[in-house]
C-alpha atoms as a PDB file:
ATOM      1  CA  GLU A   1       6.875  -8.348  20.129  1.00  0.00           C
ATOM      2  CA  GLU A   2       7.984  -4.693  20.355  1.00  0.00           C
ATOM      3  CA  LEU A   3       4.342  -3.569  20.285  1.00  0.00           C
ATOM      4  CA  LEU A   4       3.496  -5.870  23.174  1.00  0.00           C
ATOM      5  CA  THR A   5       6.511  -4.559  25.090  1.00  0.00           C
ATOM      6  CA  ILE A   6       5.339  -0.967  24.646  1.00  0.00           C
ATOM      7  CA  ASN A   7       1.928  -1.969  25.990  1.00  0.00           C
ATOM      8  CA  LYS A   8       3.422  -3.863  28.925  1.00  0.00           C
ATOM      9  CA  ASP A   9       5.631  -0.927  29.885  1.00  0.00           C
ATOM     10  CA  ASN A  10       2.575   1.381  29.909  1.00  0.00           C
ATOM     11  CA  LEU A  11       4.190   3.792  27.475  1.00  0.00           C
ATOM     12  CA  SER A  12       1.930   6.361  25.839  1.00  0.00           C
ATOM     13  CA  PHE A  13       1.054   5.048  22.384  1.00  0.00           C
ATOM     14  CA  LEU A  14      -1.666   4.852  19.732  1.00  0.00           C
ATOM     15  CA  VAL A  15      -2.109   2.045  17.206  1.00  0.00           C
ATOM     16  CA  ILE A  16      -3.657   3.369  13.979  1.00  0.00           C
ATOM     17  CA  ASP A  17      -5.420   0.677  11.960  1.00  0.00           C
ATOM     18  CA  CYS A  18      -5.606   1.917   8.348  1.00  0.00           C
ATOM     19  CA  ARG A  19      -7.631  -0.989   7.011  1.00  0.00           C
ATOM     20  CA  TYR A  20     -11.149  -0.374   5.746  1.00  0.00           C
ATOM     21  CA  GLU A  21     -13.978  -0.267   8.280  1.00  0.00           C
ATOM     22  CA  TYR A  22     -15.345  -3.732   7.506  1.00  0.00           C
ATOM     23  CA  GLU A  23     -11.899  -5.228   8.033  1.00  0.00           C
ATOM     24  CA  TYR A  24     -11.446  -3.408  11.323  1.00  0.00           C
ATOM     25  CA  LYS A  25     -14.881  -4.336  12.694  1.00  0.00           C
ATOM     26  CA  GLY A  26     -14.273  -7.946  11.849  1.00  0.00           C
ATOM     27  CA  PHE A  27     -17.786  -9.302  11.930  1.00  0.00           C
ATOM     28  CA  LEU A  28     -20.514 -10.228   9.490  1.00  0.00           C
ATOM     29  CA  THR A  29     -24.136  -9.492  10.435  1.00  0.00           C
ATOM     30  CA  LEU A  30     -26.608 -12.118   9.260  1.00  0.00           C
ATOM     31  CA  PHE A  31     -30.298 -11.207   9.408  1.00  0.00           C
ATOM     32  CA  CYS A  32     -32.708 -14.105   9.669  1.00  0.00           C
ATOM     33  CA  LEU A  33     -35.162 -14.943  12.468  1.00  0.00           C
ATOM     34  CA  VAL A  34     -32.534 -13.645  14.842  1.00  0.00           C
ATOM     35  CA  ILE A  35     -29.477 -11.484  14.299  1.00  0.00           C
ATOM     36  CA  ILE A  36     -26.315 -13.555  14.156  1.00  0.00           C
ATOM     37  CA  PHE A  37     -22.875 -12.010  14.356  1.00  0.00           C
ATOM     38  CA  ALA A  38     -20.145 -14.090  12.744  1.00  0.00           C
ATOM     39  CA  CYS A  39     -16.896 -13.085  14.443  1.00  0.00           C
ATOM     40  CA  LEU A  40     -14.434 -13.360  11.585  1.00  0.00           C
ATOM     41  CA  GLY A  41     -11.486 -11.110  12.347  1.00  0.00           C
ATOM     42  CA  GLY A  42     -11.301  -7.959  14.421  1.00  0.00           C
ATOM     43  CA  HIS A  43      -8.509  -5.587  15.367  1.00  0.00           C
ATOM     44  CA  ILE A  44      -5.655  -5.164  17.799  1.00  0.00           C
ATOM     45  CA  LYS A  45      -6.965  -4.293  21.241  1.00  0.00           C
ATOM     46  CA  ASP A  46      -7.169  -0.471  21.728  1.00  0.00           C
ATOM     47  CA  ALA A  47      -6.358   0.231  18.056  1.00  0.00           C
ATOM     48  CA  ILE A  48      -8.297   3.057  16.424  1.00  0.00           C
ATOM     49  CA  ASN A  49      -9.484   2.967  12.831  1.00  0.00           C
ATOM     50  CA  ILE A  50      -8.489   5.935  10.618  1.00  0.00           C
ATOM     51  CA  VAL A  51      -8.776   5.760   6.830  1.00  0.00           C
ATOM     52  CA  ASP A  52      -9.484   9.456   6.180  1.00  0.00           C
ATOM     53  CA  PRO A  53      -6.352  11.664   6.000  1.00  0.00           C
ATOM     54  CA  LEU A  54      -8.395  14.722   7.011  1.00  0.00           C
ATOM     55  CA  ILE A  55      -9.324  13.014  10.275  1.00  0.00           C
ATOM     56  CA  LEU A  56      -5.652  12.147  10.709  1.00  0.00           C
ATOM     57  CA  GLU A  57      -4.801  15.856  10.376  1.00  0.00           C
ATOM     58  CA  ARG A  58      -7.463  16.884  12.821  1.00  0.00           C
ATOM     59  CA  LEU A  59      -6.413  14.377  15.455  1.00  0.00           C
ATOM     60  CA  PHE A  60      -2.660  14.852  15.290  1.00  0.00           C
ATOM     61  CA  ILE A  61      -2.358  18.541  14.375  1.00  0.00           C
ATOM     62  CA  THR A  62      -5.491  20.317  15.592  1.00  0.00           C
ATOM     63  CA  ASN A  63      -5.808  18.163  18.734  1.00  0.00           C
ATOM     64  CA  ARG A  64      -2.071  17.784  19.335  1.00  0.00           C
ATOM     65  CA  ASP A  65      -2.219  19.310  22.842  1.00  0.00           C
ATOM     66  CA  LEU A  66      -4.946  16.881  23.890  1.00  0.00           C
ATOM     67  CA  LEU A  67      -2.779  13.925  22.886  1.00  0.00           C
ATOM     68  CA  ARG A  68      -0.546  14.811  25.835  1.00  0.00           C
ATOM     69  CA  LYS A  69      -3.447  14.085  28.204  1.00  0.00           C
ATOM     70  CA  GLU A  70      -3.745  10.514  29.438  1.00  0.00           C
ATOM     71  CA  SER A  71      -7.532  10.637  29.896  1.00  0.00           C
ATOM     72  CA  TYR A  72      -7.980  11.852  26.304  1.00  0.00           C
ATOM     73  CA  LEU A  73      -5.842   9.005  24.972  1.00  0.00           C
ATOM     74  CA  LYS A  74      -7.894   6.507  26.960  1.00  0.00           C
ATOM     75  CA  SER A  75     -11.157   7.938  25.646  1.00  0.00           C
ATOM     76  CA  LEU A  76      -9.903   7.698  22.062  1.00  0.00           C
ATOM     77  CA  LYS A  77      -9.129   4.017  22.518  1.00  0.00           C
ATOM     78  CA  LYS A  78     -12.498   3.375  24.154  1.00  0.00           C
ATOM     79  CA  ASP A  79     -14.751   5.116  21.615  1.00  0.00           C
ATOM     80  CA  PHE A  80     -12.838   6.960  18.905  1.00  0.00           C
ATOM     81  CA  ASN A  81     -15.760   8.097  16.759  1.00  0.00           C
ATOM     82  CA  THR A  82     -17.719   9.572  19.664  1.00  0.00           C
ATOM     83  CA  VAL A  83     -14.701  11.507  20.904  1.00  0.00           C
ATOM     84  CA  MET A  84     -13.833  12.860  17.458  1.00  0.00           C
ATOM     85  CA  ASN A  85     -17.427  13.976  16.895  1.00  0.00           C
ATOM     86  CA  SER A  86     -17.716  15.714  20.261  1.00  0.00           C
ATOM     87  CA  PHE A  87     -15.138  18.512  19.732  1.00  0.00           C
ATOM     88  CA  PRO A  88     -13.801  18.332  23.314  1.00  0.00           C
ATOM     89  CA  SER A  89     -12.839  21.586  24.997  1.00  0.00           C
ATOM     90  CA  ARG A  90      -9.245  22.079  26.057  1.00  0.00           C
ATOM     91  CA  GLU A  91     -10.551  23.666  29.257  1.00  0.00           C
ATOM     92  CA  HIS A  92     -11.928  20.265  30.205  1.00  0.00           C
ATOM     93  CA  TYR A  93      -8.357  18.952  30.452  1.00  0.00           C
ATOM     94  CA  GLN A  94      -6.580  22.058  31.740  1.00  0.00           C
ATOM     95  CA  ASN A  95      -6.207  20.719  35.302  1.00  0.00           C
ATOM     96  CA  GLU A  96      -4.799  17.407  34.124  1.00  0.00           C
ATOM     97  CA  PRO A  97      -0.993  17.274  33.958  1.00  0.00           C
ATOM     98  CA  SER A  98       0.470  16.766  30.514  1.00  0.00           C
ATOM     99  CA  LEU A  99       2.429  13.669  29.630  1.00  0.00           C
ATOM    100  CA  PRO A 100       6.164  14.270  29.223  1.00  0.00           C
ATOM    101  CA  SER A 101       6.070  13.552  25.486  1.00  0.00           C
ATOM    102  CA  SER A 102       3.736  12.937  22.584  1.00  0.00           C
ATOM    103  CA  PRO A 103       2.513   9.357  22.181  1.00  0.00           C
ATOM    104  CA  ILE A 104       4.321   6.773  20.108  1.00  0.00           C
ATOM    105  CA  ILE A 105       2.310   6.235  16.907  1.00  0.00           C
ATOM    106  CA  ILE A 106       2.161   2.813  15.234  1.00  0.00           C
ATOM    107  CA  PHE A 107       0.484   2.446  11.831  1.00  0.00           C
ATOM    108  CA  HIS A 108      -0.562  -0.731  10.085  1.00  0.00           C
ATOM    109  CA  CYS A 109      -2.876  -2.161   7.456  1.00  0.00           C
ATOM    110  CA  GLU A 110      -3.333  -5.733   6.252  1.00  0.00           C
ATOM    111  CA  TYR A 111       0.312  -6.189   5.211  1.00  0.00           C
ATOM    112  CA  SER A 112       1.676  -2.714   6.129  1.00  0.00           C
ATOM    113  CA  ALA A 113       2.487  -2.399   2.442  1.00  0.00           C
ATOM    114  CA  GLU A 114       0.275   0.430   1.101  1.00  0.00           C
ATOM    115  CA  ARG A 115      -2.482   1.943   3.222  1.00  0.00           C
ATOM    116  CA  GLY A 116      -0.508   1.995   6.456  1.00  0.00           C
ATOM    117  CA  PRO A 117       2.670   3.428   4.887  1.00  0.00           C
ATOM    118  CA  ARG A 118       0.875   6.238   3.047  1.00  0.00           C
ATOM    119  CA  MET A 119      -0.863   7.394   6.245  1.00  0.00           C
ATOM    120  CA  HIS A 120       2.447   7.080   8.115  1.00  0.00           C
ATOM    121  CA  ASN A 121       4.201   9.149   5.459  1.00  0.00           C
ATOM    122  CA  TYR A 122       1.416  11.717   5.385  1.00  0.00           C
ATOM    123  CA  LEU A 123       1.592  12.283   9.142  1.00  0.00           C
ATOM    124  CA  ARG A 124       5.343  12.722   8.883  1.00  0.00           C
ATOM    125  CA  LYS A 125       4.845  15.217   6.033  1.00  0.00           C
ATOM    126  CA  ILE A 126       2.296  17.427   7.782  1.00  0.00           C
ATOM    127  CA  ASP A 127       4.196  17.216  11.071  1.00  0.00           C
ATOM    128  CA  ARG A 128       7.338  18.392   9.268  1.00  0.00           C
ATOM    129  CA  GLU A 129       5.407  21.235   7.617  1.00  0.00           C
ATOM    130  CA  PHE A 130       3.785  22.250  10.896  1.00  0.00           C
ATOM    131  CA  ASN A 131       7.195  22.427  12.575  1.00  0.00           C
ATOM    132  CA  ALA A 132       8.991  24.081   9.649  1.00  0.00           C
ATOM    133  CA  ASN A 133      10.153  26.938  11.900  1.00  0.00           C
ATOM    134  CA  ARG A 134      11.480  24.496  14.499  1.00  0.00           C
ATOM    135  CA  TYR A 135      13.466  22.151  12.245  1.00  0.00           C
ATOM    136  CA  PRO A 136      14.508  19.426  12.984  1.00  0.00           C
ATOM    137  CA  ASN A 137      12.002  19.184  15.869  1.00  0.00           C
ATOM    138  CA  LEU A 138       8.782  17.243  15.371  1.00  0.00           C
ATOM    139  CA  THR A 139       5.585  16.921  17.370  1.00  0.00           C
ATOM    140  CA  TYR A 140       5.650  13.148  16.817  1.00  0.00           C
ATOM    141  CA  PRO A 141       9.273  12.032  16.544  1.00  0.00           C
ATOM    142  CA  GLU A 142       8.389   8.372  17.092  1.00  0.00           C
ATOM    143  CA  ILE A 143       6.086   6.982  14.416  1.00  0.00           C
ATOM    144  CA  TYR A 144       6.412   3.417  13.171  1.00  0.00           C
ATOM    145  CA  LEU A 145       4.932   0.772  10.893  1.00  0.00           C
ATOM    146  CA  LEU A 146       3.902  -2.589  12.311  1.00  0.00           C
ATOM    147  CA  ALA A 147       6.103  -5.048  10.412  1.00  0.00           C
ATOM    148  CA  TYR A 148       4.171  -7.313   8.000  1.00  0.00           C
ATOM    149  CA  GLY A 149       0.864  -5.812   9.138  1.00  0.00           C
ATOM    150  CA  TYR A 150      -2.249  -7.140  10.804  1.00  0.00           C
ATOM    151  CA  ARG A 151      -2.113 -10.483   9.003  1.00  0.00           C
ATOM    152  CA  ASN A 152       1.170 -11.391  10.666  1.00  0.00           C
ATOM    153  CA  PHE A 153       0.329  -9.952  14.089  1.00  0.00           C
ATOM    154  CA  SER A 154      -3.083 -11.610  14.355  1.00  0.00           C
ATOM    155  CA  SER A 155      -1.697 -15.009  13.398  1.00  0.00           C
ATOM    156  CA  LYS A 156       0.752 -14.886  16.314  1.00  0.00           C
ATOM    157  CA  HIS A 157      -1.135 -12.941  18.971  1.00  0.00           C
ATOM    158  CA  GLN A 158      -4.810 -13.917  18.881  1.00  0.00           C
ATOM    159  CA  GLU A 159      -5.098 -13.105  22.582  1.00  0.00           C
ATOM    160  CA  ASN A 160      -4.552  -9.423  21.708  1.00  0.00           C
ATOM    161  CA  ILE A 161      -7.266  -9.319  19.031  1.00  0.00           C
ATOM    162  CA  ILE A 162     -10.798  -8.174  19.828  1.00  0.00           C
ATOM    163  CA  ILE A 163     -14.068  -7.591  17.990  1.00  0.00           C
ATOM    164  CA  ASP A 164     -16.385  -4.821  19.196  1.00  0.00           C
ATOM    165  CA  ILE A 165     -19.981  -5.421  18.155  1.00  0.00           C
ATOM    166  CA  LYS A 166     -21.846  -2.172  18.684  1.00  0.00           C
ATOM    167  CA  ASP A 167     -23.919   0.499  17.012  1.00  0.00           C
ATOM    168  CA  VAL A 168     -26.189  -2.191  15.576  1.00  0.00           C
ATOM    169  CA  LEU A 169     -29.990  -1.772  15.655  1.00  0.00           C
ATOM    170  CA  LEU A 170     -29.882   1.773  17.034  1.00  0.00           C
ATOM    171  CA  ASN A 171     -27.243   0.855  19.595  1.00  0.00           C
ATOM    172  CA  THR A 172     -29.527  -1.577  21.400  1.00  0.00           C
ATOM    173  CA  PHE A 173     -26.930  -4.324  21.577  1.00  0.00           C
ATOM    174  CA  LYS A 174     -23.290  -4.113  22.528  1.00  0.00           C
ATOM    175  CA  ALA A 175     -20.803  -6.876  23.053  1.00  0.00           C
ATOM    176  CA  SER A 176     -17.233  -7.941  22.514  1.00  0.00           C
ATOM    177  CA  CYS A 177     -15.937 -11.301  21.438  1.00  0.00           C
ATOM    178  CA  GLN A 178     -12.754 -13.028  20.452  1.00  0.00           C
ATOM    179  CA  PRO A 179     -12.386 -13.923  16.757  1.00  0.00           C
ATOM    180  CA  SER A 180     -12.750 -17.507  15.651  1.00  0.00           C
ATOM    181  CA  GLY A 181      -9.420 -17.377  13.846  1.00  0.00           C
ATOM    182  CA  GLY A 182      -8.231 -15.704  10.673  1.00  0.00           C
ATOM    183  CA  TYR A 183      -9.339 -12.225   9.653  1.00  0.00           C
ATOM    184  CA  ILE A 184     -11.311 -10.364   6.995  1.00  0.00           C
ATOM    185  CA  GLU A 185      -9.115  -9.705   3.973  1.00  0.00           C
ATOM    186  CA  MET A 186      -9.370  -6.435   2.058  1.00  0.00           C
ATOM    187  CA  LYS A 187     -10.777  -8.191  -1.020  1.00  0.00           C
ATOM    188  CA  ASP A 188     -13.102 -10.567   0.820  1.00  0.00           C
ATOM    189  CA  PRO A 189     -15.933 -11.225  -1.704  1.00  0.00           C
ATOM    190  CA  ARG A 190     -18.549 -10.935   1.052  1.00  0.00           C
ATOM    191  CA  PHE A 191     -17.701  -7.232   1.298  1.00  0.00           C
ATOM    192  CA  LYS A 192     -17.288  -6.359  -2.377  1.00  0.00           C
ATOM    193  CA  VAL A 193     -19.693  -3.399  -2.173  1.00  0.00           C
ATOM    194  CA  GLN A 194     -17.879  -1.922   0.833  1.00  0.00           C
ATOM    195  CA  TYR A 195     -14.553  -2.527  -0.893  1.00  0.00           C
ATOM    196  CA  ALA A 196     -15.679  -0.658  -4.024  1.00  0.00           C
ATOM    197  CA  GLU A 197     -16.895   2.278  -1.924  1.00  0.00           C
ATOM    198  CA  ALA A 198     -13.619   2.395  -0.009  1.00  0.00           C
ATOM    199  CA  CYS A 199     -11.563   2.346  -3.215  1.00  0.00           C
ATOM    200  CA  HIS A 200     -13.653   5.200  -4.641  1.00  0.00           C
ATOM    201  CA  ARG A 201     -12.974   7.256  -1.527  1.00  0.00           C
ATOM    202  CA  ASP A 202      -9.262   6.466  -1.706  1.00  0.00           C
ATOM    203  CA  HIS A 203      -9.082   7.717  -5.300  1.00  0.00           C
ATOM    204  CA  GLN A 204     -10.463  11.065  -4.139  1.00  0.00           C
ATOM    205  CA  TYR A 205      -7.639  11.478  -1.625  1.00  0.00           C
ATOM    206  CA  TRP A 206      -4.565   9.679  -2.984  1.00  0.00           C
ATOM    207  CA  ASN A 207      -2.728   9.612  -6.295  1.00  0.00           C
ATOM    208  CA  LYS A 208      -1.109   6.492  -7.729  1.00  0.00           C
ATOM    209  CA  LYS A 209       2.116   7.239  -5.849  1.00  0.00           C
ATOM    210  CA  GLY A 210       0.298   7.241  -2.523  1.00  0.00           C
ATOM    211  CA  GLN A 211       0.545  11.023  -2.175  1.00  0.00           C
ATOM    212  CA  PHE A 212      -2.311  13.144  -0.829  1.00  0.00           C
ATOM    213  CA  LYS A 213      -4.013  15.021  -3.676  1.00  0.00           C
ATOM    214  CA  LEU A 214      -5.592  17.875  -1.717  1.00  0.00           C
ATOM    215  CA  GLN A 215      -4.070  20.829   0.078  1.00  0.00           C
ATOM    216  CA  PRO A 216      -3.601  20.052   3.785  1.00  0.00           C
ATOM    217  CA  GLN A 217      -6.377  21.757   5.746  1.00  0.00           C
ATOM    218  CA  LEU A 218      -4.854  22.146   9.176  1.00  0.00           C
ATOM    219  CA  THR A 219      -1.200  23.035   8.754  1.00  0.00           C
ATOM    220  CA  SER A 220      -1.457  26.651   7.658  1.00  0.00           C
ATOM    221  CA  VAL A 221      -0.378  27.859  11.110  1.00  0.00           C
ATOM    222  CA  SER A 222       3.091  26.701  11.982  1.00  0.00           C
ATOM    223  CA  ALA A 223       4.340  25.842  15.444  1.00  0.00           C
ATOM    224  CA  ASN A 224       6.132  28.618  17.255  1.00  0.00           C
END
């Protein structure tokens, strides 16, 4: 309910979906005589999918100034991957007034029990390190976890769930649809290969305590 209130009040916010890509996309592609898309789950409308902590660093530390620009926030929600791969110039936004504060950040995963919390905690960690000379100030003072995760939210607010079917067959078909109910679970047997690949990637980044294994790449220069 609080998330819907933030949206209704037009406050600046980003919802970070930390589930694996197949969970976020929420559809199963069936190839036969025609291509059939089974709409099985999806994601919260305007949520962006981040599972890589290095991308999290780049977005929230390297691009921190851009997150105060309303048009940049809108473009992230519309097509996150394209924006992150385009390396936008700050000069492009220099004539746009900055928002009065950084956006509210809301993390979640399937239950908000592991993947969402570790990304939440990692952003807090690198934000604290980046602002070490300005303690106790933070670039993102308001970061939250969505209580009980996507499973709970989607069961109560289906009208706010969407599936984006795109980038299929060389981008020749794009559409959106509402899910048929339910969602794709992390351990859905239809996606066991994708699940194994995602777990392998996780083991490269995170230890058993949910702490990032590598040295942060983008926090070597502290805020003034």
